[in-house]
Amino acid sequence: VETDYEHYAIVSSIVESGKKPSTTLQLYVRSQDVSPQLLKKFKELYRTMGLTDDMLVVMPKSGEWQRGKQ
């Protein structure tokens, strides 16, 4: 959907299997932190795709889960 080729990429996929299509929108960043401006842009985009705030999941930072598991 959108990228600056250095810091982030926004990827969309629509799977049409069964009766209802499934829409996914993902934000990938190269750093551990997401700027508020980029997160705002992402949220505005997913709303235009018919996704709602309750569908948004923010995954833990890379490596965070493993540290907590030890």
N, C-alpha and C. Protein backbone atom coordinates (compact mmCIF):
# COMPACT_ATOMS: atom_id res chain seq x y z
N VAL A 1 0.83 -1.19 0.00
CA VAL A 1 0.00 0.00 0.00
C VAL A 1 0.87 1.25 0.00
N GLU A 2 1.87 1.27 0.93
CA GLU A 2 2.71 2.46 1.03
C GLU A 2 4.01 2.10 1.73
N THR A 3 5.11 2.74 1.31
CA THR A 3 6.40 2.57 1.96
C THR A 3 7.29 3.76 1.66
N ASP A 4 8.27 3.98 2.52
CA ASP A 4 9.29 4.98 2.21
C ASP A 4 10.63 4.28 1.92
N TYR A 5 10.63 2.96 1.91
CA TYR A 5 11.77 2.10 1.58
C TYR A 5 12.92 2.19 2.58
N GLU A 6 12.81 3.00 3.60
CA GLU A 6 13.86 3.10 4.61
C GLU A 6 13.36 2.82 6.02
N HIS A 7 12.12 3.24 6.32
CA HIS A 7 11.64 3.17 7.69
C HIS A 7 10.41 2.29 7.90
N TYR A 8 9.51 2.25 6.94
CA TYR A 8 8.26 1.52 7.16
C TYR A 8 7.66 1.01 5.85
N ALA A 9 6.74 0.06 6.01
CA ALA A 9 5.92 -0.43 4.90
C ALA A 9 4.54 -0.77 5.45
N ILE A 10 3.51 -0.40 4.73
CA ILE A 10 2.14 -0.76 5.06
C ILE A 10 1.69 -1.75 3.99
N VAL A 11 1.28 -2.95 4.44
CA VAL A 11 0.95 -4.04 3.53
C VAL A 11 -0.51 -4.44 3.74
N SER A 12 -1.23 -4.59 2.65
CA SER A 12 -2.63 -5.00 2.71
C SER A 12 -2.80 -6.32 1.98
N SER A 13 -3.68 -7.16 2.53
CA SER A 13 -4.04 -8.40 1.83
C SER A 13 -5.52 -8.68 2.04
N ILE A 14 -6.13 -9.20 1.00
CA ILE A 14 -7.53 -9.59 1.07
C ILE A 14 -7.62 -11.04 0.59
N VAL A 15 -8.12 -11.91 1.46
CA VAL A 15 -8.27 -13.32 1.12
C VAL A 15 -9.75 -13.59 0.94
N GLU A 16 -10.11 -14.10 -0.21
CA GLU A 16 -11.51 -14.39 -0.51
C GLU A 16 -11.73 -15.89 -0.56
N SER A 17 -11.86 -16.49 0.61
CA SER A 17 -12.19 -17.92 0.66
C SER A 17 -13.42 -18.07 1.55
N GLY A 18 -14.30 -18.92 1.15
CA GLY A 18 -15.54 -19.06 1.90
C GLY A 18 -16.53 -17.98 1.51
N LYS A 19 -17.40 -17.63 2.45
CA LYS A 19 -18.46 -16.67 2.16
C LYS A 19 -18.03 -15.21 2.30
N LYS A 20 -17.09 -14.95 3.22
CA LYS A 20 -16.72 -13.57 3.52
C LYS A 20 -15.23 -13.33 3.27
N PRO A 21 -14.89 -12.23 2.58
CA PRO A 21 -13.47 -11.93 2.41
C PRO A 21 -12.85 -11.47 3.73
N SER A 22 -11.58 -11.75 3.90
CA SER A 22 -10.84 -11.37 5.09
C SER A 22 -9.80 -10.33 4.71
N THR A 23 -9.85 -9.16 5.36
CA THR A 23 -8.93 -8.06 5.06
C THR A 23 -7.91 -7.92 6.18
N THR A 24 -6.65 -7.80 5.79
CA THR A 24 -5.57 -7.60 6.75
C THR A 24 -4.75 -6.39 6.32
N LEU A 25 -4.41 -5.54 7.27
CA LEU A 25 -3.55 -4.40 7.02
C LEU A 25 -2.45 -4.45 8.07
N GLN A 26 -1.20 -4.47 7.62
CA GLN A 26 -0.07 -4.60 8.54
C GLN A 26 0.90 -3.44 8.36
N LEU A 27 1.45 -3.00 9.48
CA LEU A 27 2.47 -1.96 9.47
C LEU A 27 3.78 -2.58 9.93
N TYR A 28 4.79 -2.51 9.09
CA TYR A 28 6.13 -3.00 9.42
C TYR A 28 7.06 -1.80 9.56
N VAL A 29 7.84 -1.79 10.64
CA VAL A 29 8.81 -0.71 10.84
C VAL A 29 10.18 -1.31 11.11
N ARG A 30 11.22 -0.59 10.76
CA ARG A 30 12.59 -1.08 10.96
C ARG A 30 13.12 -0.78 12.36
N SER A 31 12.51 0.16 13.06
CA SER A 31 12.97 0.49 14.40
C SER A 31 12.03 -0.11 15.44
N GLN A 32 12.42 -0.06 16.69
CA GLN A 32 11.59 -0.60 17.78
C GLN A 32 10.39 0.29 18.09
N ASP A 33 10.47 1.57 17.75
CA ASP A 33 9.40 2.51 18.07
C ASP A 33 8.72 3.02 16.81
N VAL A 34 7.41 3.23 16.92
CA VAL A 34 6.61 3.77 15.82
C VAL A 34 6.31 5.22 16.14
N SER A 35 6.56 6.10 15.19
CA SER A 35 6.27 7.51 15.42
C SER A 35 4.76 7.72 15.52
N PRO A 36 4.33 8.69 16.32
CA PRO A 36 2.89 8.97 16.42
C PRO A 36 2.28 9.35 15.07
N GLN A 37 3.04 10.03 14.23
CA GLN A 37 2.53 10.44 12.91
C GLN A 37 2.28 9.21 12.03
N LEU A 38 3.19 8.24 12.07
CA LEU A 38 3.03 7.04 11.27
C LEU A 38 1.87 6.19 11.78
N LEU A 39 1.73 6.08 13.08
CA LEU A 39 0.61 5.32 13.64
C LEU A 39 -0.71 5.99 13.28
N LYS A 40 -0.75 7.31 13.30
CA LYS A 40 -1.97 8.04 12.91
C LYS A 40 -2.30 7.77 11.45
N LYS A 41 -1.29 7.81 10.57
CA LYS A 41 -1.50 7.53 9.15
C LYS A 41 -2.04 6.11 8.95
N PHE A 42 -1.48 5.15 9.67
CA PHE A 42 -1.92 3.77 9.58
C PHE A 42 -3.38 3.63 10.03
N LYS A 43 -3.73 4.24 11.15
CA LYS A 43 -5.11 4.16 11.66
C LYS A 43 -6.09 4.79 10.69
N GLU A 44 -5.72 5.91 10.08
CA GLU A 44 -6.60 6.55 9.10
C GLU A 44 -6.81 5.64 7.89
N LEU A 45 -5.75 4.96 7.47
CA LEU A 45 -5.85 4.06 6.32
C LEU A 45 -6.73 2.85 6.61
N TYR A 46 -6.57 2.24 7.79
CA TYR A 46 -7.39 1.04 8.04
C TYR A 46 -8.85 1.37 8.21
N ARG A 47 -9.15 2.56 8.65
CA ARG A 47 -10.56 2.97 8.74
C ARG A 47 -11.18 3.08 7.35
N THR A 48 -10.40 3.55 6.37
CA THR A 48 -10.90 3.66 4.99
C THR A 48 -11.15 2.29 4.37
N MET A 49 -10.53 1.25 4.94
CA MET A 49 -10.71 -0.11 4.43
C MET A 49 -11.85 -0.83 5.13
N GLY A 50 -12.58 -0.12 6.00
CA GLY A 50 -13.71 -0.73 6.69
C GLY A 50 -13.33 -1.44 7.97
N LEU A 51 -12.09 -1.28 8.42
CA LEU A 51 -11.65 -1.90 9.67
C LEU A 51 -11.94 -0.94 10.82
N THR A 52 -12.17 -1.48 12.00
CA THR A 52 -12.53 -0.65 13.15
C THR A 52 -11.46 -0.72 14.24
N ASP A 53 -11.50 0.21 15.17
CA ASP A 53 -10.50 0.29 16.24
C ASP A 53 -10.39 -0.99 17.05
N ASP A 54 -11.50 -1.68 17.24
CA ASP A 54 -11.45 -2.92 18.03
C ASP A 54 -10.77 -4.07 17.29
N MET A 55 -10.47 -3.88 16.02
CA MET A 55 -9.76 -4.88 15.24
C MET A 55 -8.24 -4.68 15.26
N LEU A 56 -7.80 -3.56 15.80
CA LEU A 56 -6.37 -3.24 15.82
C LEU A 56 -5.65 -4.00 16.92
N VAL A 57 -4.57 -4.66 16.57
CA VAL A 57 -3.74 -5.37 17.54
C VAL A 57 -2.31 -4.85 17.37
N VAL A 58 -1.70 -4.43 18.46
CA VAL A 58 -0.30 -4.00 18.43
C VAL A 58 0.52 -5.13 19.03
N MET A 59 1.38 -5.70 18.21
CA MET A 59 2.21 -6.81 18.65
C MET A 59 3.37 -6.29 19.50
N PRO A 60 3.92 -7.13 20.38
CA PRO A 60 5.06 -6.69 21.20
C PRO A 60 6.27 -6.43 20.32
N LYS A 61 7.17 -5.60 20.83
CA LYS A 61 8.40 -5.31 20.11
C LYS A 61 9.19 -6.59 19.92
N SER A 62 9.94 -6.66 18.85
CA SER A 62 10.73 -7.84 18.54
C SER A 62 11.66 -8.18 19.69
N GLY A 63 11.63 -9.44 20.12
CA GLY A 63 12.49 -9.88 21.21
C GLY A 63 11.89 -9.68 22.58
N GLU A 64 10.82 -8.90 22.70
CA GLU A 64 10.23 -8.60 24.01
C GLU A 64 9.65 -9.85 24.65
N TRP A 65 8.98 -10.67 23.88
CA TRP A 65 8.36 -11.87 24.42
C TRP A 65 9.41 -12.85 24.93
N GLN A 66 10.48 -13.02 24.19
CA GLN A 66 11.51 -13.97 24.59
C GLN A 66 12.16 -13.56 25.91
N ARG A 67 12.42 -12.28 26.10
CA ARG A 67 13.02 -11.81 27.34
C ARG A 67 12.11 -12.09 28.52
N GLY A 68 10.82 -11.87 28.36
CA GLY A 68 9.88 -12.09 29.44
C GLY A 68 9.69 -13.57 29.76
N LYS A 69 9.98 -14.44 28.83
CA LYS A 69 9.78 -15.88 28.98
C LYS A 69 10.90 -16.54 29.75
N GLN A 70 12.06 -15.92 29.84
CA GLN A 70 13.22 -16.55 30.50
C GLN A 70 13.10 -16.56 31.98
